[in-house]
């Protein structure tokens, strides 16, 4: 791998200690990945602001002490605390203090306090073909697939290092050849009724992640112009059950006006998708009985969009939840929703708003065990390991009806 003369000066610490640390980390990662060079990036999204242990705090504070500042616009993923609603996260004093120190350190580095896993809903929307350095699995899938930007899935420490030096390894999905589909999924035989359901999209993503692993996939045969929220749900689930960082939906995502535009030149695996495959994927998202009681409901992974929050407000108006119900929302969307009055019916129904974090990465749920119902493929996949709760997957309408009744109620007609 070759560094430019300026990059060599950066790595040598000629422009400051923190920039030297960051550049050396990115360059060494590039060498290990087989990159030929580094590529300048236009922005970054930082996943390393979520507290997993004291080492992450000490690393970020070391960069601050060494004079670190972001070289490109950088948004922040969820932290481990809800700063807008103190006390909502049930950490002990040490963990709460360290989580706050980690969040503060990233602000001191010049990152924007977006605290959301959906930065694309907070105005961070790189252009088609633009090279960026993003962390957070669903955000990476969205940036590559829905926006057509170019990023690999950067881990903690590497993401903020890329933000400080404004570079990323020129490898993986930064390269044209690696953005072509190795798997083509024919979805033309599916029922239009099923495809029209909101739950179809996270289930499609859950199936895709398990089937594709990290392979770039093109899905053909779906109606064109799929809504952004549906693609968001699909990508989040695919990045959870697998390592999908780029998918194409022919006629809907920007690099796939036709199948030929994204089909790979080499051997391409083809799969004919059936409703039975999808039912199996849907069933795997539930680890609890689909006809028993529930202890909580959680939605908003990725964080709810303004459209999704408006839909929630309309569905719960005049209703009352019998079990704890959590809606996770980025603070940017929350501010707009507050001005529009969308939160009034949500709060009146007994729903708890969670900002800056989510119930799967922080101890928000009132108990460490039980049954959690959700309409999020990502929540359903990670919930059992992260929260101790068994999961039941259903539509938003199912979640609301079940929260009212205190037991699982699901409309099975579209999946029959």
Protein backbone atom coordinates (compact mmCIF):
# COMPACT_ATOMS: atom_id res chain seq x y z
CA UNK A 1 0.00 0.00 0.00
CA UNK A 2 1.27 3.45 -0.97
CA UNK A 3 0.67 6.57 1.10
CA UNK A 4 0.89 10.01 -0.45
CA UNK A 5 3.59 12.38 0.77
CA UNK A 6 0.98 14.29 2.78
CA UNK A 7 -0.37 11.08 4.31
CA UNK A 8 3.15 10.09 5.32
CA UNK A 9 3.57 13.44 7.07
CA UNK A 10 0.21 12.93 8.80
CA UNK A 11 1.19 9.45 9.95
CA UNK A 12 4.52 10.76 11.24
CA UNK A 13 2.69 13.18 13.53
CA UNK A 14 3.86 16.33 11.74
CA UNK A 15 0.33 17.77 11.97
CA UNK A 16 -0.33 16.67 15.54
CA UNK A 17 -0.19 13.59 17.71
CA UNK A 18 -3.89 12.63 17.38
CA UNK A 19 -3.81 12.88 13.59
CA UNK A 20 -0.69 10.72 13.60
CA UNK A 21 -2.39 8.05 15.72
CA UNK A 22 -5.51 8.07 13.54
CA UNK A 23 -3.62 7.95 10.24
CA UNK A 24 -1.42 5.08 11.38
CA UNK A 25 -4.48 3.08 12.51
CA UNK A 26 -6.28 3.59 9.19
CA UNK A 27 -3.15 2.88 7.15
CA UNK A 28 -2.35 -0.32 9.05
CA UNK A 29 -5.97 -1.49 8.72
CA UNK A 30 -5.70 -0.82 5.00
CA UNK A 31 -2.50 -2.83 4.76
CA UNK A 32 -4.07 -5.77 6.57
CA UNK A 33 -7.11 -5.62 4.27
CA UNK A 34 -4.95 -5.56 1.14
CA UNK A 35 -5.74 -1.99 0.08
CA UNK A 36 -3.51 -0.35 -2.52
CA UNK A 37 -3.99 3.10 -1.04
CA UNK A 38 -6.22 5.26 1.14
CA UNK A 39 -9.22 7.09 -0.28
CA UNK A 40 -10.35 10.55 0.91
CA UNK A 41 -13.82 10.45 2.47
CA UNK A 42 -16.48 13.15 2.58
CA UNK A 43 -18.00 12.23 5.96
CA UNK A 44 -18.08 9.69 8.76
CA UNK A 45 -20.65 8.08 11.04
CA UNK A 46 -19.18 6.93 14.35
CA UNK A 47 -20.39 3.74 16.03
CA UNK A 48 -17.67 3.73 18.69
CA UNK A 49 -19.54 6.15 20.95
CA UNK A 50 -21.59 3.25 22.40
CA UNK A 51 -20.10 2.14 25.71
CA UNK A 52 -18.88 -1.47 25.74
CA UNK A 53 -16.10 -1.08 28.29
CA UNK A 54 -13.59 1.35 29.70
CA UNK A 55 -11.04 0.77 26.92
CA UNK A 56 -13.19 2.63 24.41
CA UNK A 57 -13.49 5.59 26.76
CA UNK A 58 -9.74 5.77 27.32
CA UNK A 59 -9.04 5.57 23.59
CA UNK A 60 -11.41 8.45 22.76
CA UNK A 61 -10.07 10.56 25.62
CA UNK A 62 -6.50 9.89 24.46
CA UNK A 63 -7.41 11.36 21.07
CA UNK A 64 -8.95 14.40 22.76
CA UNK A 65 -5.90 14.93 24.97
CA UNK A 66 -3.68 14.68 21.89
CA UNK A 67 -5.59 17.51 20.20
CA UNK A 68 -7.78 15.42 17.92
CA UNK A 69 -10.44 17.04 15.72
CA UNK A 70 -12.54 15.55 12.95
CA UNK A 71 -11.37 16.40 9.44
CA UNK A 72 -14.77 15.71 7.87
CA UNK A 73 -18.39 16.07 9.06
CA UNK A 74 -19.11 13.22 11.47
CA UNK A 75 -22.38 12.12 13.04
CA UNK A 76 -22.68 9.96 16.13
CA UNK A 77 -24.47 6.64 16.46
CA UNK A 78 -26.50 5.81 19.57
CA UNK A 79 -24.78 6.12 22.90
CA UNK A 80 -25.56 4.07 25.99
CA UNK A 81 -27.55 6.86 27.70
CA UNK A 82 -30.73 8.76 26.91
CA UNK A 83 -29.50 12.28 27.55
CA UNK A 84 -32.95 13.78 26.97
CA UNK A 85 -34.59 11.55 29.59
CA UNK A 86 -32.16 11.09 32.49
CA UNK A 87 -32.69 7.90 34.46
CA UNK A 88 -34.29 6.00 31.62
CA UNK A 89 -31.23 3.76 31.32
CA UNK A 90 -30.65 1.62 34.44
CA UNK A 91 -26.85 1.68 34.67
CA UNK A 92 -24.86 1.55 37.87
CA UNK A 93 -22.92 4.70 38.74
CA UNK A 94 -19.63 3.58 37.17
CA UNK A 95 -21.15 2.49 33.86
CA UNK A 96 -23.28 5.64 33.65
CA UNK A 97 -20.27 7.85 34.29
CA UNK A 98 -18.08 6.05 31.75
CA UNK A 99 -20.84 6.03 29.13
CA UNK A 100 -21.22 9.79 29.57
CA UNK A 101 -17.46 10.33 29.36
CA UNK A 102 -17.37 8.40 26.09
CA UNK A 103 -20.17 10.49 24.61
CA UNK A 104 -18.53 13.72 25.81
CA UNK A 105 -15.17 12.72 24.34
CA UNK A 106 -16.66 12.27 20.88
CA UNK A 107 -18.28 15.68 21.12
CA UNK A 108 -14.90 17.16 22.07
CA UNK A 109 -13.48 15.63 18.88
CA UNK A 110 -15.97 17.68 16.85
CA UNK A 111 -18.64 15.08 16.09
CA UNK A 112 -22.30 16.11 15.77
CA UNK A 113 -24.52 15.00 18.70
CA UNK A 114 -27.04 13.17 16.51
CA UNK A 115 -27.05 10.02 18.72
CA UNK A 116 -28.93 7.97 16.16
CA UNK A 117 -28.44 4.73 14.26
CA UNK A 118 -30.24 6.41 11.34
CA UNK A 119 -28.07 9.44 10.48
CA UNK A 120 -29.72 9.55 7.07
CA UNK A 121 -32.85 10.75 8.95
CA UNK A 122 -30.81 13.50 10.59
CA UNK A 123 -29.66 15.16 7.37
CA UNK A 124 -26.51 13.08 6.86
CA UNK A 125 -27.09 11.82 3.32
CA UNK A 126 -23.96 11.43 1.20
CA UNK A 127 -24.32 11.69 -2.56
CA UNK A 128 -24.39 8.89 -5.08
CA UNK A 129 -20.87 7.55 -5.55
CA UNK A 130 -19.40 9.57 -2.68
CA UNK A 131 -16.78 7.83 -0.53
CA UNK A 132 -17.55 7.92 3.21
CA UNK A 133 -16.40 6.14 6.38
CA UNK A 134 -19.41 4.80 8.28
CA UNK A 135 -19.91 2.44 11.18
CA UNK A 136 -23.19 0.83 12.39
CA UNK A 137 -24.49 -2.05 10.33
CA UNK A 138 -27.88 -0.67 9.23
CA UNK A 139 -26.41 2.75 8.46
CA UNK A 140 -23.73 1.15 6.30
CA UNK A 141 -26.32 -0.92 4.42
CA UNK A 142 -28.49 2.17 3.91
CA UNK A 143 -25.61 4.39 2.76
CA UNK A 144 -24.40 1.86 0.21
CA UNK A 145 -27.74 0.52 -0.97
CA UNK A 146 -30.34 3.28 -0.71
CA UNK A 147 -28.10 6.33 -1.18
CA UNK A 148 -25.47 4.74 -3.41
CA UNK A 149 -22.59 6.12 -1.36
CA UNK A 150 -19.49 3.97 -0.81
CA UNK A 151 -18.32 2.67 2.55
CA UNK A 152 -17.18 -0.49 4.21
CA UNK A 153 -18.48 -1.54 7.61
CA UNK A 154 -15.97 0.13 9.92
CA UNK A 155 -15.52 -1.09 13.47
CA UNK A 156 -14.97 0.89 16.65
CA UNK A 157 -11.74 2.92 16.78
CA UNK A 158 -11.34 2.64 13.01
CA UNK A 159 -14.42 4.76 12.37
CA UNK A 160 -13.32 7.71 14.49
CA UNK A 161 -9.76 7.37 13.21
CA UNK A 162 -11.08 7.69 9.66
CA UNK A 163 -13.04 10.78 10.72
CA UNK A 164 -9.89 12.40 12.13
CA UNK A 165 -7.68 11.77 9.12
CA UNK A 166 -10.41 11.99 6.46
CA UNK A 167 -9.31 8.72 4.86
CA UNK A 168 -10.45 5.12 4.60
CA UNK A 169 -8.78 2.02 3.12
CA UNK A 170 -9.40 1.86 -0.64
CA UNK A 171 -10.79 -1.66 -0.59
CA UNK A 172 -14.08 -3.56 -0.53
CA UNK A 173 -17.17 -1.58 -1.43
CA UNK A 174 -15.15 1.49 -2.40
CA UNK A 175 -14.27 -0.41 -5.61
CA UNK A 176 -16.60 -0.66 -8.62
CA UNK A 177 -16.03 -4.38 -9.14
CA UNK A 178 -17.03 -5.25 -5.57
CA UNK A 179 -20.42 -3.56 -5.86
CA UNK A 180 -21.75 -6.05 -8.41
CA UNK A 181 -24.18 -8.76 -7.33
CA UNK A 182 -22.87 -12.24 -6.57
CA UNK A 183 -26.41 -13.40 -5.71
CA UNK A 184 -29.58 -12.66 -7.70
CA UNK A 185 -32.92 -13.25 -5.96
CA UNK A 186 -36.02 -13.61 -8.13
CA UNK A 187 -39.00 -12.36 -6.09
CA UNK A 188 -41.44 -12.18 -9.00
CA UNK A 189 -43.53 -15.13 -7.82
CA UNK A 190 -44.53 -13.65 -4.47
CA UNK A 191 -48.09 -12.57 -3.66
CA UNK A 192 -48.66 -8.83 -4.22
CA UNK A 193 -50.63 -8.83 -0.97
CA UNK A 194 -47.62 -10.12 0.94
CA UNK A 195 -45.20 -7.72 -0.73
CA UNK A 196 -47.51 -4.86 0.22
CA UNK A 197 -47.27 -5.66 3.94
CA UNK A 198 -44.88 -3.59 6.10
CA UNK A 199 -43.70 -6.80 7.78
CA UNK A 200 -42.61 -8.24 4.45
CA UNK A 201 -39.54 -5.99 4.29
CA UNK A 202 -37.81 -6.82 7.60
CA UNK A 203 -38.61 -10.50 6.98
CA UNK A 204 -37.12 -10.26 3.49
CA UNK A 205 -34.03 -8.71 5.07
CA UNK A 206 -33.82 -11.42 7.73
CA UNK A 207 -34.01 -14.10 5.06
CA UNK A 208 -31.47 -12.28 2.89
CA UNK A 209 -28.87 -11.92 5.63
CA UNK A 210 -29.02 -15.63 6.43
CA UNK A 211 -28.88 -16.57 2.75
CA UNK A 212 -26.32 -14.08 1.44
CA UNK A 213 -23.93 -13.66 4.35
CA UNK A 214 -21.78 -10.79 3.10
CA UNK A 215 -22.47 -11.28 -0.62
CA UNK A 216 -23.78 -8.32 -2.58
CA UNK A 217 -27.29 -9.23 -3.70
CA UNK A 218 -29.71 -7.99 -6.34
CA UNK A 219 -33.40 -8.58 -5.68
CA UNK A 220 -35.45 -8.59 -8.88
CA UNK A 221 -39.18 -8.85 -9.52
CA UNK A 222 -40.50 -6.44 -6.87
CA UNK A 223 -42.64 -3.39 -7.72
CA UNK A 224 -40.43 -0.37 -8.49
CA UNK A 225 -40.14 2.66 -6.24
CA UNK A 226 -40.00 0.90 -2.87
CA UNK A 227 -40.39 3.43 -0.03
CA UNK A 228 -37.28 4.41 1.93
CA UNK A 229 -38.61 3.17 5.28
CA UNK A 230 -39.17 -0.28 3.80
CA UNK A 231 -35.64 -0.41 2.40
CA UNK A 232 -34.37 0.76 5.77
CA UNK A 233 -36.12 -2.13 7.56
CA UNK A 234 -34.87 -4.62 4.97
CA UNK A 235 -31.26 -3.49 5.20
CA UNK A 236 -31.22 -3.41 9.00
CA UNK A 237 -32.44 -7.00 9.24
CA UNK A 238 -30.07 -8.21 6.51
CA UNK A 239 -27.13 -6.62 8.29
CA UNK A 240 -28.17 -8.33 11.54
CA UNK A 241 -28.85 -11.92 10.48
CA UNK A 242 -25.92 -11.69 8.07
CA UNK A 243 -23.20 -9.21 7.17
CA UNK A 244 -24.96 -7.55 4.24
CA UNK A 245 -23.48 -4.10 3.58
CA UNK A 246 -24.88 -3.59 0.06
CA UNK A 247 -28.01 -4.86 -1.63
CA UNK A 248 -29.72 -3.77 -4.81
CA UNK A 249 -33.47 -3.77 -5.38
CA UNK A 250 -34.00 -3.51 -9.12
CA UNK A 251 -36.07 -0.47 -9.98
CA UNK A 252 -35.76 1.07 -6.50
CA UNK A 253 -32.12 1.53 -5.46
CA UNK A 254 -29.97 4.02 -7.38
CA UNK A 255 -27.36 1.68 -8.85
CA UNK A 256 -29.94 -0.83 -10.08
CA UNK A 257 -32.22 0.69 -12.73
CA UNK A 258 -32.00 -2.75 -14.37
CA UNK A 259 -30.68 -6.12 -13.31
CA UNK A 260 -28.01 -5.94 -15.98
CA UNK A 261 -26.61 -2.77 -14.39
CA UNK A 262 -25.64 -4.61 -11.19
CA UNK A 263 -25.15 -8.24 -12.24
CA UNK A 264 -21.60 -9.46 -11.70
CA UNK A 265 -19.33 -10.50 -14.56
CA UNK A 266 -18.30 -13.74 -12.86
CA UNK A 267 -20.43 -16.66 -11.64
CA UNK A 268 -23.70 -15.44 -10.15
CA UNK A 269 -25.79 -17.59 -7.84
CA UNK A 270 -29.54 -17.39 -8.44
CA UNK A 271 -32.36 -18.13 -6.00
CA UNK A 272 -36.10 -18.22 -6.68
CA UNK A 273 -37.70 -16.75 -3.56
CA UNK A 274 -40.89 -18.40 -2.29
CA UNK A 275 -43.39 -17.49 0.39
CA UNK A 276 -42.41 -20.66 2.29
CA UNK A 277 -38.82 -19.37 2.56
CA UNK A 278 -40.10 -16.10 3.94
CA UNK A 279 -42.45 -17.77 6.41
CA UNK A 280 -39.49 -19.72 7.74
CA UNK A 281 -37.48 -16.51 8.16
CA UNK A 282 -40.43 -14.85 9.88
CA UNK A 283 -40.87 -17.75 12.28
CA UNK A 284 -37.18 -17.63 13.22
CA UNK A 285 -37.60 -14.03 14.38
CA UNK A 286 -39.83 -15.26 17.21
CA UNK A 287 -38.34 -17.27 20.06
CA UNK A 288 -41.43 -17.16 22.28
CA UNK A 289 -44.88 -18.64 21.75
CA UNK A 290 -46.94 -16.68 19.26
CA UNK A 291 -50.07 -17.00 21.40
CA UNK A 292 -48.84 -16.27 24.93
CA UNK A 293 -48.49 -13.23 27.16
CA UNK A 294 -45.97 -10.45 26.59
CA UNK A 295 -44.05 -8.27 29.03
CA UNK A 296 -43.06 -5.35 26.80
CA UNK A 297 -43.17 -3.97 23.26
CA UNK A 298 -40.31 -2.11 21.57
CA UNK A 299 -40.15 -0.50 18.14
CA UNK A 300 -37.66 1.78 16.44
CA UNK A 301 -34.60 -0.15 15.35
CA UNK A 302 -33.44 1.60 13.26
CA UNK A 303 -34.85 4.71 14.92
CA UNK A 304 -38.33 5.67 13.78
CA UNK A 305 -38.62 8.11 10.90
CA UNK A 306 -41.03 11.02 11.02
CA UNK A 307 -43.41 9.10 8.76
CA UNK A 308 -43.28 6.05 11.01
CA UNK A 309 -43.86 8.17 14.11
CA UNK A 310 -46.84 9.86 12.46
CA UNK A 311 -48.28 6.44 11.62
CA UNK A 312 -47.79 5.31 15.22
CA UNK A 313 -49.54 8.44 16.49
CA UNK A 314 -52.52 7.78 14.24
CA UNK A 315 -52.83 4.15 15.25
CA UNK A 316 -52.64 4.68 19.03
CA UNK A 317 -54.81 7.79 19.32
CA UNK A 318 -57.40 7.18 22.04
CA UNK A 319 -55.95 3.80 23.02
CA UNK A 320 -54.12 2.66 26.16
CA UNK A 321 -51.26 0.17 26.49
CA UNK A 322 -51.38 -2.44 29.27
CA UNK A 323 -47.70 -3.43 29.06
CA UNK A 324 -44.61 -1.19 28.79
CA UNK A 325 -44.26 0.05 25.23
CA UNK A 326 -41.05 1.76 24.04
CA UNK A 327 -40.58 3.79 20.86
CA UNK A 328 -36.95 4.58 19.99
CA UNK A 329 -36.47 7.82 18.07
CA UNK A 330 -33.51 9.96 17.06
CA UNK A 331 -33.50 13.39 18.65
CA UNK A 332 -33.65 15.15 15.26
CA UNK A 333 -36.89 13.39 14.31
CA UNK A 334 -38.13 13.87 17.87
CA UNK A 335 -37.77 17.65 17.67
CA UNK A 336 -39.76 17.81 14.44
CA UNK A 337 -42.42 15.44 15.77
CA UNK A 338 -42.77 17.55 18.93
CA UNK A 339 -43.47 20.66 16.86
CA UNK A 340 -46.06 18.77 14.82
CA UNK A 341 -47.83 17.47 17.93
CA UNK A 342 -47.22 13.85 16.97
CA UNK A 343 -46.00 12.90 20.43
CA UNK A 344 -49.16 13.90 22.30
CA UNK A 345 -51.27 10.85 21.31
CA UNK A 346 -48.22 8.60 21.68
CA UNK A 347 -47.56 9.67 25.26
CA UNK A 348 -51.27 9.68 26.08
CA UNK A 349 -51.43 6.01 25.08
CA UNK A 350 -48.75 5.24 27.67
CA UNK A 351 -45.85 4.79 25.24
CA UNK A 352 -42.37 5.68 26.49
CA UNK A 353 -40.13 7.62 24.12
CA UNK A 354 -36.46 6.59 24.13
CA UNK A 355 -33.92 8.91 22.50
CA UNK A 356 -30.13 8.80 21.98
CA UNK A 357 -30.01 5.03 22.54
CA UNK A 358 -32.27 1.96 22.23
CA UNK A 359 -33.62 -0.83 24.39
CA UNK A 360 -31.39 -3.52 22.87
CA UNK A 361 -28.04 -1.83 23.56
CA UNK A 362 -28.85 -0.28 26.95
CA UNK A 363 -30.73 -1.57 30.03
CA UNK A 364 -34.03 0.26 29.53
CA UNK A 365 -36.53 -2.60 29.88
CA UNK A 366 -37.92 -2.89 33.42
CA UNK A 367 -36.86 -6.54 33.75
CA UNK A 368 -33.90 -8.61 32.57
CA UNK A 369 -36.16 -11.39 31.29
CA UNK A 370 -39.59 -11.89 29.81
CA UNK A 371 -41.17 -11.69 26.35
CA UNK A 372 -40.56 -8.71 24.08
CA UNK A 373 -42.72 -8.07 21.03
CA UNK A 374 -41.42 -5.99 18.14
CA UNK A 375 -41.92 -5.16 14.47
CA UNK A 376 -38.15 -4.73 13.97
CA UNK A 377 -36.18 -7.55 12.41
CA UNK A 378 -33.05 -6.15 14.05
CA UNK A 379 -34.64 -6.02 17.54
CA UNK A 380 -36.02 -9.53 17.07
CA UNK A 381 -32.63 -10.92 16.08
CA UNK A 382 -30.55 -9.27 18.82
CA UNK A 383 -33.18 -9.12 21.56
CA UNK A 384 -32.72 -12.54 23.21
CA UNK A 385 -28.93 -12.25 23.61
CA UNK A 386 -28.84 -8.56 24.49
CA UNK A 387 -31.89 -8.21 26.76
CA UNK A 388 -32.59 -11.72 28.09
CA UNK A 389 -36.10 -11.51 26.60
CA UNK A 390 -37.60 -14.03 24.25
CA UNK A 391 -39.07 -12.31 21.19
CA UNK A 392 -42.28 -12.28 19.20
CA UNK A 393 -42.24 -10.61 15.79
CA UNK A 394 -45.33 -8.94 14.34
CA UNK A 395 -46.58 -5.90 12.48
CA UNK A 396 -46.93 -2.48 14.09
CA UNK A 397 -50.68 -3.07 14.29
CA UNK A 398 -50.01 -6.45 15.93
CA UNK A 399 -47.69 -4.83 18.46
CA UNK A 400 -50.26 -2.20 19.41
CA UNK A 401 -53.13 -4.69 19.70
CA UNK A 402 -50.95 -7.02 21.77
CA UNK A 403 -49.81 -4.22 24.07
CA UNK A 404 -53.45 -3.32 24.68
CA UNK A 405 -54.40 -6.92 25.43
CA UNK A 406 -51.25 -7.98 27.28
CA UNK A 407 -50.92 -11.05 25.08
CA UNK A 408 -49.90 -11.82 21.52
CA UNK A 409 -52.44 -10.92 18.87
CA UNK A 410 -51.27 -11.33 15.27
CA UNK A 411 -53.09 -11.00 11.96
CA UNK A 412 -51.89 -14.03 9.98
CA UNK A 413 -53.92 -13.51 6.80
CA UNK A 414 -51.13 -12.13 4.61
CA UNK A 415 -48.78 -14.94 5.69
CA UNK A 416 -51.25 -17.80 5.28
